[in-house]
Amino acid sequence: MMGVLGFAPIKLDQQVNDKLLHFGIFFVLACFLYFLWNLNVKRNLILATSMLLILAIGSEFIQGLLPVNAFDVQDIIANLTGGITGIIVSSLIDYCIDIKRENKRRFGGKREAEYQSALMEEESFSL
């Protein structure tokens, strides 16, 4: 849908900031691209960044070939800024999820066993 709207001959009012739309759409696109693959943080980062660079720059070159839209370097900058921000936010979220998952795997079983044994000791003392 974003691709269709990007190449459609739509003229926006002066009240709508075109660069803000580019930033927002590529931010969302970067988040989707990052979480598309279920790989580790480094591989997700590499795949999402390479796809985003191709889409952010390539879409503006294609728009330059169309008679309705014009090529704009500021649109490329807005695309890249939104995409890079989306990838940074997504990778930080993914990193925090991985740390939490690793801590739960590493220490979760031990803490749960200690908690259960403490409960059993309390019950034995109360009887």
Protein backbone atom coordinates (compact mmCIF):
# COMPACT_ATOMS: atom_id res chain seq x y z
CA MET A 1 0.00 0.00 0.00
CA MET A 2 2.85 2.38 0.82
CA GLY A 3 4.40 1.72 -2.57
CA VAL A 4 1.17 2.44 -4.41
CA LEU A 5 0.63 5.69 -2.51
CA GLY A 6 4.27 6.70 -3.05
CA PHE A 7 3.94 6.53 -6.81
CA ALA A 8 0.36 7.81 -7.09
CA PRO A 9 -0.18 11.28 -8.57
CA ILE A 10 -1.51 12.78 -5.33
CA LYS A 11 -0.94 16.45 -4.53
CA LEU A 12 -0.89 17.27 -0.81
CA ASP A 13 -1.98 20.53 0.74
CA GLN A 14 0.64 22.88 2.12
CA GLN A 15 -0.48 21.95 5.65
CA VAL A 16 0.81 18.38 5.28
CA ASN A 17 4.58 18.07 5.57
CA ASP A 18 5.76 15.68 2.86
CA LYS A 19 9.09 15.01 4.59
CA LEU A 20 7.32 14.04 7.81
CA LEU A 21 5.24 11.53 5.87
CA HIS A 22 8.41 10.07 4.31
CA PHE A 23 10.01 9.84 7.77
CA GLY A 24 6.98 8.15 9.35
CA ILE A 25 6.40 5.65 6.57
CA PHE A 26 10.04 4.57 6.44
CA PHE A 27 10.16 4.38 10.26
CA VAL A 28 7.26 1.89 10.22
CA LEU A 29 8.73 0.07 7.21
CA ALA A 30 12.08 -0.29 8.98
CA CYS A 31 10.42 -1.75 12.08
CA PHE A 32 8.52 -4.26 9.94
CA LEU A 33 11.64 -5.16 7.97
CA TYR A 34 13.67 -5.65 11.14
CA PHE A 35 11.21 -8.03 12.77
CA LEU A 36 10.40 -9.83 9.51
CA TRP A 37 13.16 -12.39 10.04
CA ASN A 38 13.49 -14.35 13.26
CA LEU A 39 17.28 -14.20 13.43
CA ASN A 40 19.77 -12.80 15.89
CA VAL A 41 20.21 -9.04 16.37
CA LYS A 42 23.22 -8.73 14.06
CA ARG A 43 21.64 -10.56 11.11
CA ASN A 44 18.34 -8.71 11.48
CA LEU A 45 20.28 -5.45 11.51
CA ILE A 46 22.22 -6.30 8.35
CA LEU A 47 19.20 -7.57 6.39
CA ALA A 48 16.88 -4.73 7.40
CA THR A 49 19.49 -2.04 6.72
CA SER A 50 20.39 -3.36 3.29
CA MET A 51 16.73 -3.69 2.25
CA LEU A 52 15.96 -0.25 3.62
CA LEU A 53 18.80 1.41 1.73
CA ILE A 54 17.64 -0.14 -1.52
CA LEU A 55 14.02 0.90 -0.94
CA ALA A 56 14.76 4.41 0.36
CA ILE A 57 17.05 5.40 -2.49
CA GLY A 58 15.50 3.29 -5.25
CA SER A 59 11.98 4.59 -4.73
CA GLU A 60 13.10 8.18 -5.30
CA PHE A 61 14.97 7.25 -8.47
CA ILE A 62 11.87 5.48 -9.76
CA GLN A 63 9.76 8.54 -8.90
CA GLY A 64 12.21 10.64 -10.92
CA LEU A 65 11.46 8.50 -13.97
CA LEU A 66 7.71 9.01 -13.68
CA PRO A 67 6.16 12.05 -15.37
CA VAL A 68 3.95 12.93 -12.38
CA ASN A 69 6.49 12.89 -9.52
CA ALA A 70 9.87 14.59 -9.30
CA PHE A 71 13.18 13.38 -7.88
CA ASP A 72 13.95 15.03 -4.54
CA VAL A 73 17.15 14.57 -2.53
CA GLN A 74 15.40 15.80 0.62
CA ASP A 75 12.93 12.93 0.29
CA ILE A 76 15.86 10.48 0.26
CA ILE A 77 17.24 12.12 3.41
CA ALA A 78 13.82 11.89 5.10
CA ASN A 79 13.49 8.24 4.00
CA LEU A 80 16.92 7.33 5.35
CA THR A 81 16.46 9.25 8.60
CA GLY A 82 13.12 7.58 9.32
CA GLY A 83 14.46 4.18 8.35
CA ILE A 84 17.62 4.44 10.42
CA THR A 85 15.62 5.66 13.42
CA GLY A 86 13.23 2.73 13.01
CA ILE A 87 16.08 0.24 12.79
CA ILE A 88 17.79 1.69 15.88
CA VAL A 89 14.57 1.54 17.91
CA SER A 90 13.80 -1.99 16.68
CA SER A 91 17.30 -3.28 17.37
CA LEU A 92 17.25 -1.83 20.89
CA ILE A 93 13.88 -3.47 21.57
CA ASP A 94 15.16 -6.77 20.16
CA TYR A 95 18.36 -6.54 22.22
CA CYS A 96 16.38 -5.94 25.43
CA ILE A 97 14.09 -8.88 24.63
CA ASP A 98 17.13 -11.11 24.03
CA ILE A 99 18.76 -10.03 27.30
CA LYS A 100 15.55 -10.69 29.22
CA ARG A 101 15.11 -14.08 27.54
CA GLU A 102 18.73 -15.03 28.27
CA ASN A 103 18.46 -13.97 31.92
CA LYS A 104 15.26 -15.95 32.30
CA ARG A 105 16.89 -18.99 30.71
CA ARG A 106 20.03 -18.65 32.78
CA PHE A 107 18.61 -17.65 36.16
CA GLY A 108 14.87 -18.26 35.94
CA GLY A 109 14.96 -21.93 36.87
CA LYS A 110 17.26 -21.35 39.82
CA ARG A 111 15.18 -18.50 41.20
CA GLU A 112 11.97 -20.46 40.83
CA ALA A 113 13.49 -23.48 42.63
CA GLU A 114 14.73 -21.25 45.48
CA TYR A 115 11.29 -19.65 45.77
CA GLN A 116 9.55 -23.04 45.89
CA SER A 117 11.96 -24.41 48.50
CA ALA A 118 11.47 -21.28 50.64
CA LEU A 119 7.70 -21.76 50.47
CA MET A 120 8.04 -25.41 51.49
CA GLU A 121 10.27 -24.45 54.45
CA GLU A 122 7.68 -21.91 55.62
CA GLU A 123 4.94 -24.52 55.43
CA SER A 124 6.99 -27.04 57.40
CA PHE A 125 7.68 -24.49 60.16
CA SER A 126 4.05 -23.48 60.45
CA LEU A 127 2.85 -27.07 60.97
